[in-house]
PDB file of all heavy atoms in Angstrom:
ATOM      1  N   ASP A   1      19.438  14.314   0.882  1.00  0.00           N
ATOM      2  CA  ASP A   1      19.506  15.771   1.019  1.00  0.00           C
ATOM      3  C   ASP A   1      18.354  16.302   1.878  1.00  0.00           C
ATOM      4  O   ASP A   1      18.522  17.263   2.634  1.00  0.00           O
ATOM      5  CB  ASP A   1      19.479  16.440  -0.361  1.00  0.00           C
ATOM      6  CG  ASP A   1      20.795  16.270  -1.118  1.00  0.00           C
ATOM      7  OD1 ASP A   1      21.825  16.015  -0.456  1.00  0.00           O
ATOM      8  OD2 ASP A   1      20.778  16.384  -2.353  1.00  0.00           O
ATOM      9  N   SER A   2      17.179  15.673   1.755  1.00  0.00           N
ATOM     10  CA  SER A   2      16.043  16.056   2.598  1.00  0.00           C
ATOM     11  C   SER A   2      16.361  15.794   4.067  1.00  0.00           C
ATOM     12  O   SER A   2      16.074  16.627   4.936  1.00  0.00           O
ATOM     13  CB  SER A   2      14.796  15.272   2.192  1.00  0.00           C
ATOM     14  OG  SER A   2      14.398  15.601   0.898  1.00  0.00           O
ATOM     15  N   PHE A   3      16.968  14.635   4.335  1.00  0.00           N
ATOM     16  CA  PHE A   3      17.377  14.329   5.709  1.00  0.00           C
ATOM     17  C   PHE A   3      18.366  15.359   6.223  1.00  0.00           C
ATOM     18  O   PHE A   3      18.230  15.873   7.339  1.00  0.00           O
ATOM     19  CB  PHE A   3      18.002  12.930   5.777  1.00  0.00           C
ATOM     20  CG  PHE A   3      18.742  12.672   7.051  1.00  0.00           C
ATOM     21  CD1 PHE A   3      18.065  12.407   8.235  1.00  0.00           C
ATOM     22  CD2 PHE A   3      20.126  12.722   7.083  1.00  0.00           C
ATOM     23  CE1 PHE A   3      18.743  12.191   9.416  1.00  0.00           C
ATOM     24  CE2 PHE A   3      20.815  12.510   8.268  1.00  0.00           C
ATOM     25  CZ  PHE A   3      20.120  12.241   9.430  1.00  0.00           C
ATOM     26  N   LEU A   4      19.359  15.673   5.408  1.00  0.00           N
ATOM     27  CA  LEU A   4      20.402  16.613   5.831  1.00  0.00           C
ATOM     28  C   LEU A   4      19.817  17.985   6.140  1.00  0.00           C
ATOM     29  O   LEU A   4      20.114  18.585   7.179  1.00  0.00           O
ATOM     30  CB  LEU A   4      21.481  16.702   4.761  1.00  0.00           C
ATOM     31  CG  LEU A   4      22.707  17.527   5.104  1.00  0.00           C
ATOM     32  CD1 LEU A   4      23.378  16.997   6.368  1.00  0.00           C
ATOM     33  CD2 LEU A   4      23.680  17.525   3.954  1.00  0.00           C
ATOM     34  N   ASN A   5      18.959  18.494   5.261  1.00  0.00           N
ATOM     35  CA  ASN A   5      18.362  19.812   5.496  1.00  0.00           C
ATOM     36  C   ASN A   5      17.449  19.806   6.718  1.00  0.00           C
ATOM     37  O   ASN A   5      17.487  20.732   7.530  1.00  0.00           O
ATOM     38  CB  ASN A   5      17.585  20.270   4.260  1.00  0.00           C
ATOM     39  CG  ASN A   5      18.477  20.968   3.265  1.00  0.00           C
ATOM     40  OD1 ASN A   5      18.969  22.054   3.536  1.00  0.00           O
ATOM     41  ND2 ASN A   5      18.710  20.338   2.134  1.00  0.00           N
ATOM     42  N   ALA A   6      16.626  18.771   6.854  1.00  0.00           N
ATOM     43  CA  ALA A   6      15.719  18.702   8.008  1.00  0.00           C
ATOM     44  C   ALA A   6      16.509  18.572   9.310  1.00  0.00           C
ATOM     45  O   ALA A   6      16.183  19.220  10.308  1.00  0.00           O
ATOM     46  CB  ALA A   6      14.757  17.529   7.844  1.00  0.00           C
ATOM     47  N   ALA A   7      17.550  17.759   9.290  1.00  0.00           N
ATOM     48  CA  ALA A   7      18.364  17.583  10.499  1.00  0.00           C
ATOM     49  C   ALA A   7      19.089  18.875  10.871  1.00  0.00           C
ATOM     50  O   ALA A   7      19.180  19.222  12.057  1.00  0.00           O
ATOM     51  CB  ALA A   7      19.371  16.456  10.289  1.00  0.00           C
ATOM     52  N   MET A   8      19.587  19.572   9.895  1.00  0.00           N
ATOM     53  CA  MET A   8      20.289  20.825  10.180  1.00  0.00           C
ATOM     54  C   MET A   8      19.324  21.881  10.748  1.00  0.00           C
ATOM     55  O   MET A   8      19.673  22.599  11.679  1.00  0.00           O
ATOM     56  CB  MET A   8      20.965  21.356   8.906  1.00  0.00           C
ATOM     57  CG  MET A   8      22.098  20.476   8.409  1.00  0.00           C
ATOM     58  SD  MET A   8      23.475  20.395   9.556  1.00  0.00           S
ATOM     59  CE  MET A   8      24.258  21.952   9.240  1.00  0.00           C
ATOM     60  N   LEU A   9      18.130  21.965  10.184  1.00  0.00           N
ATOM     61  CA  LEU A   9      17.153  22.917  10.723  1.00  0.00           C
ATOM     62  C   LEU A   9      16.696  22.515  12.113  1.00  0.00           C
ATOM     63  O   LEU A   9      16.565  23.359  13.003  1.00  0.00           O
ATOM     64  CB  LEU A   9      15.939  23.009   9.796  1.00  0.00           C
ATOM     65  CG  LEU A   9      15.941  24.146   8.799  1.00  0.00           C
ATOM     66  CD1 LEU A   9      14.723  24.091   7.917  1.00  0.00           C
ATOM     67  CD2 LEU A   9      16.055  25.478   9.471  1.00  0.00           C
ATOM     68  N   LEU A  10      16.457  21.226  12.301  1.00  0.00           N
ATOM     69  CA  LEU A  10      15.972  20.739  13.598  1.00  0.00           C
ATOM     70  C   LEU A  10      17.019  20.939  14.692  1.00  0.00           C
ATOM     71  O   LEU A  10      16.680  21.148  15.849  1.00  0.00           O
ATOM     72  CB  LEU A  10      15.592  19.261  13.481  1.00  0.00           C
ATOM     73  CG  LEU A  10      14.699  18.668  14.553  1.00  0.00           C
ATOM     74  CD1 LEU A  10      13.410  19.455  14.696  1.00  0.00           C
ATOM     75  CD2 LEU A  10      14.386  17.222  14.240  1.00  0.00           C
ATOM     76  N   SER A  11      18.284  20.903  14.327  1.00  0.00           N
ATOM     77  CA  SER A  11      19.349  21.085  15.319  1.00  0.00           C
ATOM     78  C   SER A  11      19.717  22.552  15.513  1.00  0.00           C
ATOM     79  O   SER A  11      20.567  22.878  16.335  1.00  0.00           O
ATOM     80  CB  SER A  11      20.588  20.294  14.905  1.00  0.00           C
ATOM     81  OG  SER A  11      21.136  20.845  13.716  1.00  0.00           O
ATOM     82  N   GLY A  12      19.097  23.431  14.730  1.00  0.00           N
ATOM     83  CA  GLY A  12      19.354  24.854  14.901  1.00  0.00           C
ATOM     84  C   GLY A  12      20.503  25.381  14.069  1.00  0.00           C
ATOM     85  O   GLY A  12      20.916  26.522  14.226  1.00  0.00           O
ATOM     86  N   MET A  13      21.033  24.572  13.170  1.00  0.00           N
ATOM     87  CA  MET A  13      22.175  24.990  12.363  1.00  0.00           C
ATOM     88  C   MET A  13      21.764  25.751  11.107  1.00  0.00           C
ATOM     89  O   MET A  13      22.552  26.484  10.542  1.00  0.00           O
ATOM     90  CB  MET A  13      23.009  23.763  11.965  1.00  0.00           C
ATOM     91  CG  MET A  13      23.529  22.972  13.136  1.00  0.00           C
ATOM     92  SD  MET A  13      24.674  23.893  14.144  1.00  0.00           S
ATOM     93  CE  MET A  13      26.082  23.910  13.084  1.00  0.00           C
ATOM     94  N   GLY A  14      20.561  25.544  10.638  1.00  0.00           N
ATOM     95  CA  GLY A  14      20.098  26.190   9.418  1.00  0.00           C
ATOM     96  C   GLY A  14      20.194  25.252   8.237  1.00  0.00           C
ATOM     97  O   GLY A  14      20.936  24.276   8.269  1.00  0.00           O
ATOM     98  N   PRO A  15      19.443  25.558   7.178  1.00  0.00           N
ATOM     99  CA  PRO A  15      19.429  24.667   6.018  1.00  0.00           C
ATOM    100  C   PRO A  15      20.722  24.772   5.207  1.00  0.00           C
ATOM    101  O   PRO A  15      21.405  25.789   5.234  1.00  0.00           O
ATOM    102  CB  PRO A  15      18.233  25.169   5.215  1.00  0.00           C
ATOM    103  CG  PRO A  15      18.140  26.613   5.560  1.00  0.00           C
ATOM    104  CD  PRO A  15      18.575  26.707   7.010  1.00  0.00           C
ATOM    105  N   LEU A  16      21.039  23.703   4.488  1.00  0.00           N
ATOM    106  CA  LEU A  16      22.202  23.715   3.603  1.00  0.00           C
ATOM    107  C   LEU A  16      21.830  24.146   2.205  1.00  0.00           C
ATOM    108  O   LEU A  16      22.592  24.822   1.529  1.00  0.00           O
ATOM    109  CB  LEU A  16      22.839  22.322   3.551  1.00  0.00           C
ATOM    110  CG  LEU A  16      23.486  21.855   4.844  1.00  0.00           C
ATOM    111  CD1 LEU A  16      24.044  20.452   4.683  1.00  0.00           C
ATOM    112  CD2 LEU A  16      24.577  22.801   5.266  1.00  0.00           C
ATOM    113  N   THR A  17      20.629  23.757   1.770  1.00  0.00           N
ATOM    114  CA  THR A  17      20.149  24.089   0.437  1.00  0.00           C
ATOM    115  C   THR A  17      19.073  25.160   0.564  1.00  0.00           C
ATOM    116  O   THR A  17      18.090  24.966   1.271  1.00  0.00           O
ATOM    117  CB  THR A  17      19.548  22.841  -0.248  1.00  0.00           C
ATOM    118  OG1 THR A  17      20.501  21.796  -0.221  1.00  0.00           O
ATOM    119  CG2 THR A  17      19.152  23.137  -1.672  1.00  0.00           C
ATOM    120  N   ALA A  18      19.280  26.261  -0.111  1.00  0.00           N
ATOM    121  CA  ALA A  18      18.268  27.323  -0.079  1.00  0.00           C
ATOM    122  C   ALA A  18      17.064  26.881  -0.890  1.00  0.00           C
ATOM    123  O   ALA A  18      17.211  26.363  -1.995  1.00  0.00           O
ATOM    124  CB  ALA A  18      18.843  28.610  -0.645  1.00  0.00           C
ATOM    125  N   PRO A  19      15.861  27.058  -0.348  1.00  0.00           N
ATOM    126  CA  PRO A  19      14.652  26.673  -1.098  1.00  0.00           C
ATOM    127  C   PRO A  19      14.522  27.493  -2.380  1.00  0.00           C
ATOM    128  O   PRO A  19      14.820  28.686  -2.402  1.00  0.00           O
ATOM    129  CB  PRO A  19      13.510  26.974  -0.135  1.00  0.00           C
ATOM    130  CG  PRO A  19      14.128  27.213   1.189  1.00  0.00           C
ATOM    131  CD  PRO A  19      15.549  27.575   0.967  1.00  0.00           C
ATOM    132  N   LEU A  20      14.054  26.835  -3.446  1.00  0.00           N
ATOM    133  CA  LEU A  20      13.928  27.503  -4.742  1.00  0.00           C
ATOM    134  C   LEU A  20      12.482  27.841  -5.089  1.00  0.00           C
ATOM    135  O   LEU A  20      12.225  28.827  -5.766  1.00  0.00           O
ATOM    136  CB  LEU A  20      14.534  26.627  -5.846  1.00  0.00           C
ATOM    137  CG  LEU A  20      16.010  26.265  -5.663  1.00  0.00           C
ATOM    138  CD1 LEU A  20      16.468  25.312  -6.752  1.00  0.00           C
ATOM    139  CD2 LEU A  20      16.861  27.521  -5.640  1.00  0.00           C
ATOM    140  N   THR A  21      11.545  27.024  -4.634  1.00  0.00           N
ATOM    141  CA  THR A  21      10.136  27.253  -4.968  1.00  0.00           C
ATOM    142  C   THR A  21       9.453  28.048  -3.853  1.00  0.00           C
ATOM    143  O   THR A  21       9.936  28.074  -2.710  1.00  0.00           O
ATOM    144  CB  THR A  21       9.404  25.913  -5.150  1.00  0.00           C
ATOM    145  OG1 THR A  21       9.378  25.219  -3.897  1.00  0.00           O
ATOM    146  CG2 THR A  21      10.088  25.039  -6.197  1.00  0.00           C
ATOM    147  N   ASP A  22       8.333  28.666  -4.194  1.00  0.00           N
ATOM    148  CA  ASP A  22       7.591  29.415  -3.174  1.00  0.00           C
ATOM    149  C   ASP A  22       7.063  28.481  -2.093  1.00  0.00           C
ATOM    150  O   ASP A  22       7.135  28.809  -0.901  1.00  0.00           O
ATOM    151  CB  ASP A  22       6.416  30.173  -3.825  1.00  0.00           C
ATOM    152  CG  ASP A  22       6.882  31.355  -4.646  1.00  0.00           C
ATOM    153  OD1 ASP A  22       8.045  31.802  -4.462  1.00  0.00           O
ATOM    154  OD2 ASP A  22       6.090  31.846  -5.483  1.00  0.00           O
ATOM    155  N   ASN A  23       6.538  27.323  -2.501  1.00  0.00           N
ATOM    156  CA  ASN A  23       6.051  26.355  -1.508  1.00  0.00           C
ATOM    157  C   ASN A  23       7.196  25.844  -0.642  1.00  0.00           C
ATOM    158  O   ASN A  23       7.031  25.625   0.557  1.00  0.00           O
ATOM    159  CB  ASN A  23       5.338  25.188  -2.198  1.00  0.00           C
ATOM    160  CG  ASN A  23       3.988  25.581  -2.744  1.00  0.00           C
ATOM    161  OD1 ASN A  23       3.386  26.552  -2.297  1.00  0.00           O
ATOM    162  ND2 ASN A  23       3.514  24.826  -3.731  1.00  0.00           N
ATOM    163  N   GLY A  24       8.355  25.641  -1.242  1.00  0.00           N
ATOM    164  CA  GLY A  24       9.525  25.200  -0.485  1.00  0.00           C
ATOM    165  C   GLY A  24       9.971  26.253   0.519  1.00  0.00           C
ATOM    166  O   GLY A  24      10.356  25.932   1.647  1.00  0.00           O
ATOM    167  N   LYS A  25       9.918  27.512   0.126  1.00  0.00           N
ATOM    168  CA  LYS A  25      10.293  28.599   1.036  1.00  0.00           C
ATOM    169  C   LYS A  25       9.315  28.691   2.202  1.00  0.00           C
ATOM    170  O   LYS A  25       9.725  28.883   3.350  1.00  0.00           O
ATOM    171  CB  LYS A  25      10.347  29.927   0.280  1.00  0.00           C
ATOM    172  CG  LYS A  25      11.498  30.004  -0.698  1.00  0.00           C
ATOM    173  CD  LYS A  25      11.439  31.280  -1.528  1.00  0.00           C
ATOM    174  CE  LYS A  25      12.554  31.270  -2.554  1.00  0.00           C
ATOM    175  NZ  LYS A  25      12.518  32.462  -3.415  1.00  0.00           N
ATOM    176  N   LEU A  26       8.027  28.564   1.889  1.00  0.00           N
ATOM    177  CA  LEU A  26       7.016  28.592   2.946  1.00  0.00           C
ATOM    178  C   LEU A  26       7.208  27.412   3.906  1.00  0.00           C
ATOM    179  O   LEU A  26       7.177  27.586   5.127  1.00  0.00           O
ATOM    180  CB  LEU A  26       5.618  28.574   2.330  1.00  0.00           C
ATOM    181  CG  LEU A  26       4.447  28.660   3.294  1.00  0.00           C
ATOM    182  CD1 LEU A  26       4.488  29.973   4.067  1.00  0.00           C
ATOM    183  CD2 LEU A  26       3.129  28.523   2.549  1.00  0.00           C
ATOM    184  N   PHE A  27       7.427  26.235   3.332  1.00  0.00           N
ATOM    185  CA  PHE A  27       7.656  25.063   4.183  1.00  0.00           C
ATOM    186  C   PHE A  27       8.902  25.243   5.043  1.00  0.00           C
ATOM    187  O   PHE A  27       8.874  24.972   6.245  1.00  0.00           O
ATOM    188  CB  PHE A  27       7.807  23.785   3.344  1.00  0.00           C
ATOM    189  CG  PHE A  27       8.280  22.625   4.164  1.00  0.00           C
ATOM    190  CD1 PHE A  27       7.410  21.966   5.015  1.00  0.00           C
ATOM    191  CD2 PHE A  27       9.602  22.229   4.132  1.00  0.00           C
ATOM    192  CE1 PHE A  27       7.853  20.914   5.817  1.00  0.00           C
ATOM    193  CE2 PHE A  27      10.062  21.181   4.918  1.00  0.00           C
ATOM    194  CZ  PHE A  27       9.178  20.524   5.759  1.00  0.00           C
ATOM    195  N   ALA A  28      10.001  25.681   4.452  1.00  0.00           N
ATOM    196  CA  ALA A  28      11.253  25.836   5.197  1.00  0.00           C
ATOM    197  C   ALA A  28      11.090  26.832   6.348  1.00  0.00           C
ATOM    198  O   ALA A  28      11.605  26.607   7.449  1.00  0.00           O
ATOM    199  CB  ALA A  28      12.376  26.267   4.260  1.00  0.00           C
ATOM    200  N   GLY A  29      10.368  27.918   6.095  1.00  0.00           N
ATOM    201  CA  GLY A  29      10.146  28.904   7.157  1.00  0.00           C
ATOM    202  C   GLY A  29       9.308  28.344   8.285  1.00  0.00           C
ATOM    203  O   GLY A  29       9.630  28.519   9.466  1.00  0.00           O
ATOM    204  N   LEU A  30       8.222  27.671   7.933  1.00  0.00           N
ATOM    205  CA  LEU A  30       7.356  27.086   8.968  1.00  0.00           C
ATOM    206  C   LEU A  30       8.072  25.960   9.713  1.00  0.00           C
ATOM    207  O   LEU A  30       7.928  25.832  10.934  1.00  0.00           O
ATOM    208  CB  LEU A  30       6.053  26.582   8.343  1.00  0.00           C
ATOM    209  CG  LEU A  30       5.118  27.657   7.810  1.00  0.00           C
ATOM    210  CD1 LEU A  30       3.938  27.035   7.081  1.00  0.00           C
ATOM    211  CD2 LEU A  30       4.645  28.560   8.938  1.00  0.00           C
ATOM    212  N   TYR A  31       8.837  25.176   8.985  1.00  0.00           N
ATOM    213  CA  TYR A  31       9.579  24.082   9.631  1.00  0.00           C
ATOM    214  C   TYR A  31      10.660  24.632  10.567  1.00  0.00           C
ATOM    215  O   TYR A  31      10.907  24.077  11.628  1.00  0.00           O
ATOM    216  CB  TYR A  31      10.193  23.157   8.575  1.00  0.00           C
ATOM    217  CG  TYR A  31      10.830  21.931   9.170  1.00  0.00           C
ATOM    218  CD1 TYR A  31      10.049  20.923   9.731  1.00  0.00           C
ATOM    219  CD2 TYR A  31      12.208  21.784   9.191  1.00  0.00           C
ATOM    220  CE1 TYR A  31      10.626  19.801  10.292  1.00  0.00           C
ATOM    221  CE2 TYR A  31      12.800  20.659   9.741  1.00  0.00           C
ATOM    222  CZ  TYR A  31      11.999  19.675  10.289  1.00  0.00           C
ATOM    223  OH  TYR A  31      12.575  18.566  10.856  1.00  0.00           O
ATOM    224  N   ALA A  32      11.276  25.745  10.202  1.00  0.00           N
ATOM    225  CA  ALA A  32      12.273  26.370  11.066  1.00  0.00           C
ATOM    226  C   ALA A  32      11.629  26.861  12.368  1.00  0.00           C
ATOM    227  O   ALA A  32      12.181  26.666  13.462  1.00  0.00           O
ATOM    228  CB  ALA A  32      12.956  27.526  10.342  1.00  0.00           C
ATOM    229  N   LEU A  33      10.460  27.495  12.261  1.00  0.00           N
ATOM    230  CA  LEU A  33       9.748  27.932  13.467  1.00  0.00           C
ATOM    231  C   LEU A  33       9.351  26.740  14.322  1.00  0.00           C
ATOM    232  O   LEU A  33       9.526  26.742  15.547  1.00  0.00           O
ATOM    233  CB  LEU A  33       8.504  28.744  13.085  1.00  0.00           C
ATOM    234  CG  LEU A  33       8.762  30.108  12.470  1.00  0.00           C
ATOM    235  CD1 LEU A  33       7.469  30.708  11.948  1.00  0.00           C
ATOM    236  CD2 LEU A  33       9.412  31.024  13.489  1.00  0.00           C
ATOM    237  N   TYR A  34       8.808  25.716  13.687  1.00  0.00           N
ATOM    238  CA  TYR A  34       8.420  24.497  14.395  1.00  0.00           C
ATOM    239  C   TYR A  34       9.631  23.870  15.095  1.00  0.00           C
ATOM    240  O   TYR A  34       9.537  23.441  16.238  1.00  0.00           O
ATOM    241  CB  TYR A  34       7.798  23.520  13.399  1.00  0.00           C
ATOM    242  CG  TYR A  34       7.609  22.138  13.940  1.00  0.00           C
ATOM    243  CD1 TYR A  34       6.540  21.838  14.778  1.00  0.00           C
ATOM    244  CD2 TYR A  34       8.506  21.122  13.629  1.00  0.00           C
ATOM    245  CE1 TYR A  34       6.368  20.561  15.288  1.00  0.00           C
ATOM    246  CE2 TYR A  34       8.346  19.847  14.131  1.00  0.00           C
ATOM    247  CZ  TYR A  34       7.279  19.568  14.956  1.00  0.00           C
ATOM    248  OH  TYR A  34       7.116  18.317  15.472  1.00  0.00           O
ATOM    249  N   SER A  35      10.766  23.846  14.404  1.00  0.00           N
ATOM    250  CA  SER A  35      11.969  23.233  14.971  1.00  0.00           C
ATOM    251  C   SER A  35      12.418  23.936  16.246  1.00  0.00           C
ATOM    252  O   SER A  35      12.890  23.289  17.194  1.00  0.00           O
ATOM    253  CB  SER A  35      13.108  23.249  13.946  1.00  0.00           C
ATOM    254  OG  SER A  35      12.780  22.459  12.838  1.00  0.00           O
TER     255      SER A  35
END
């Protein structure tokens, strides 16, 4: 699932699983910008 979410964000499609934790949300946002 980590691979799937990272690959989807890296390809510009967006995550499949919405982050639940505050740290997860922060990571997902920063990773999306980085991607």
